[in-house]
Amino acid sequence: MAKTRRTFNAEFKAKVVLEIISGSKNMAEVCREYSLKADLLSHWKSQFLDNASKVFENASAVDPQQARIAELERLAGKQSLELEILKKALTLLPQARKKGES
């Protein structure tokens, strides 16, 4: 009877690798606890360490959708202000014509 292959999500992998890196458990303890092979854990650990710098790159990068939303909100505010100014000018315009006619 063939064994089914287990799959692990990213959160589980990160938790296991952090247990090893933090020193709370050594690799042998983690292997026994989760029934994993040492080379699999070594692979996860190397992937984790290779991609660790990307965490800080993404933290400083602005989400393009959020930047676009902010730009559109700024433009909407600007147009709203311009509309209020034009409304005020329109109410003053007939008064200026009446004064000029007399």
Protein backbone atom coordinates (compact mmCIF):
# COMPACT_ATOMS: atom_id res chain seq x y z
CA MET A 1 0.00 0.00 0.00
CA ALA A 2 1.47 3.35 -1.09
CA LYS A 3 1.80 6.19 1.38
CA THR A 4 0.11 9.43 0.50
CA ARG A 5 2.38 12.42 0.29
CA ARG A 6 1.88 14.99 3.00
CA THR A 7 1.75 18.67 2.14
CA PHE A 8 2.64 21.47 4.52
CA ASN A 9 1.50 25.08 4.36
CA ALA A 10 3.86 28.02 4.64
CA GLU A 11 2.77 28.85 8.20
CA PHE A 12 3.65 25.37 9.44
CA LYS A 13 7.04 25.46 7.69
CA ALA A 14 7.84 28.87 9.19
CA LYS A 15 6.81 27.71 12.67
CA VAL A 16 9.02 24.62 12.46
CA VAL A 17 12.02 26.53 11.10
CA LEU A 18 11.66 29.23 13.76
CA GLU A 19 11.70 26.54 16.46
CA ILE A 20 15.05 25.36 15.10
CA ILE A 21 16.54 28.83 14.57
CA SER A 22 15.42 30.16 17.96
CA GLY A 23 17.11 27.25 19.68
CA SER A 24 14.02 26.20 21.60
CA LYS A 25 14.39 22.76 19.97
CA ASN A 26 17.14 21.14 18.00
CA MET A 27 16.63 19.56 14.61
CA ALA A 28 16.40 16.01 15.96
CA GLU A 29 13.65 16.97 18.41
CA VAL A 30 11.65 18.70 15.68
CA CYS A 31 12.08 15.71 13.35
CA ARG A 32 10.74 13.34 15.98
CA GLU A 33 7.89 15.63 17.05
CA TYR A 34 6.52 16.22 13.54
CA SER A 35 7.75 12.98 11.89
CA LEU A 36 9.88 14.82 9.34
CA LYS A 37 13.23 14.00 7.75
CA ALA A 38 16.28 16.07 8.60
CA ASP A 39 17.06 16.91 4.95
CA LEU A 40 13.54 18.26 4.48
CA LEU A 41 14.00 20.54 7.49
CA SER A 42 17.40 21.60 6.21
CA HIS A 43 15.84 22.50 2.88
CA TRP A 44 13.08 24.53 4.57
CA LYS A 45 15.63 26.28 6.77
CA SER A 46 17.82 27.26 3.81
CA GLN A 47 14.77 28.53 1.88
CA PHE A 48 13.71 30.53 4.94
CA LEU A 49 17.12 32.11 5.39
CA ASP A 50 17.55 32.83 1.67
CA ASN A 51 14.24 34.68 1.54
CA ALA A 52 14.51 36.46 4.89
CA SER A 53 15.76 39.69 3.31
CA LYS A 54 12.62 39.92 1.18
CA VAL A 55 10.56 40.56 4.31
CA PHE A 56 12.25 43.92 4.76
CA GLU A 57 12.09 44.80 1.05
CA ASN A 58 8.33 44.30 0.98
CA ALA A 59 7.80 46.23 4.20
CA SER A 60 9.28 49.39 2.70
CA ALA A 61 7.59 49.01 -0.69
CA VAL A 62 4.23 50.70 -1.12
CA ASP A 63 1.43 48.56 -2.50
CA PRO A 64 0.70 49.87 -6.01
CA GLN A 65 -3.05 49.61 -5.48
CA GLN A 66 -2.86 51.60 -2.27
CA ALA A 67 -0.74 54.25 -4.00
CA ARG A 68 -3.29 54.47 -6.83
CA ILE A 69 -6.16 54.81 -4.34
CA ALA A 70 -4.32 57.57 -2.50
CA GLU A 71 -3.68 59.42 -5.78
CA LEU A 72 -7.34 59.15 -6.80
CA GLU A 73 -8.49 60.39 -3.39
CA ARG A 74 -6.14 63.36 -3.71
CA LEU A 75 -7.52 64.17 -7.16
CA ALA A 76 -11.13 63.85 -5.95
CA GLY A 77 -10.38 66.25 -3.10
CA LYS A 78 -8.79 68.72 -5.49
CA GLN A 79 -11.79 68.59 -7.85
CA SER A 80 -14.18 69.02 -4.94
CA LEU A 81 -12.30 72.14 -3.84
CA GLU A 82 -12.31 73.53 -7.38
CA LEU A 83 -16.05 72.89 -7.66
CA GLU A 84 -16.72 74.80 -4.42
CA ILE A 85 -14.63 77.73 -5.68
CA LEU A 86 -16.53 77.81 -8.99
CA LYS A 87 -19.90 77.68 -7.21
CA LYS A 88 -18.87 80.62 -5.05
CA ALA A 89 -17.64 82.54 -8.11
CA LEU A 90 -20.91 81.85 -9.91
CA THR A 91 -22.92 83.34 -7.05
CA LEU A 92 -20.72 86.45 -7.12
CA LEU A 93 -20.80 86.83 -10.92
CA PRO A 94 -24.43 88.05 -11.33
CA GLN A 95 -23.84 90.66 -8.63
CA ALA A 96 -20.83 91.97 -10.52
CA ARG A 97 -22.88 92.29 -13.74
CA LYS A 98 -25.66 94.18 -11.98
CA LYS A 99 -23.18 96.65 -10.50
CA GLY A 100 -21.54 97.17 -13.91
CA GLU A 101 -24.86 97.84 -15.67
CA SER A 102 -25.95 100.69 -13.42
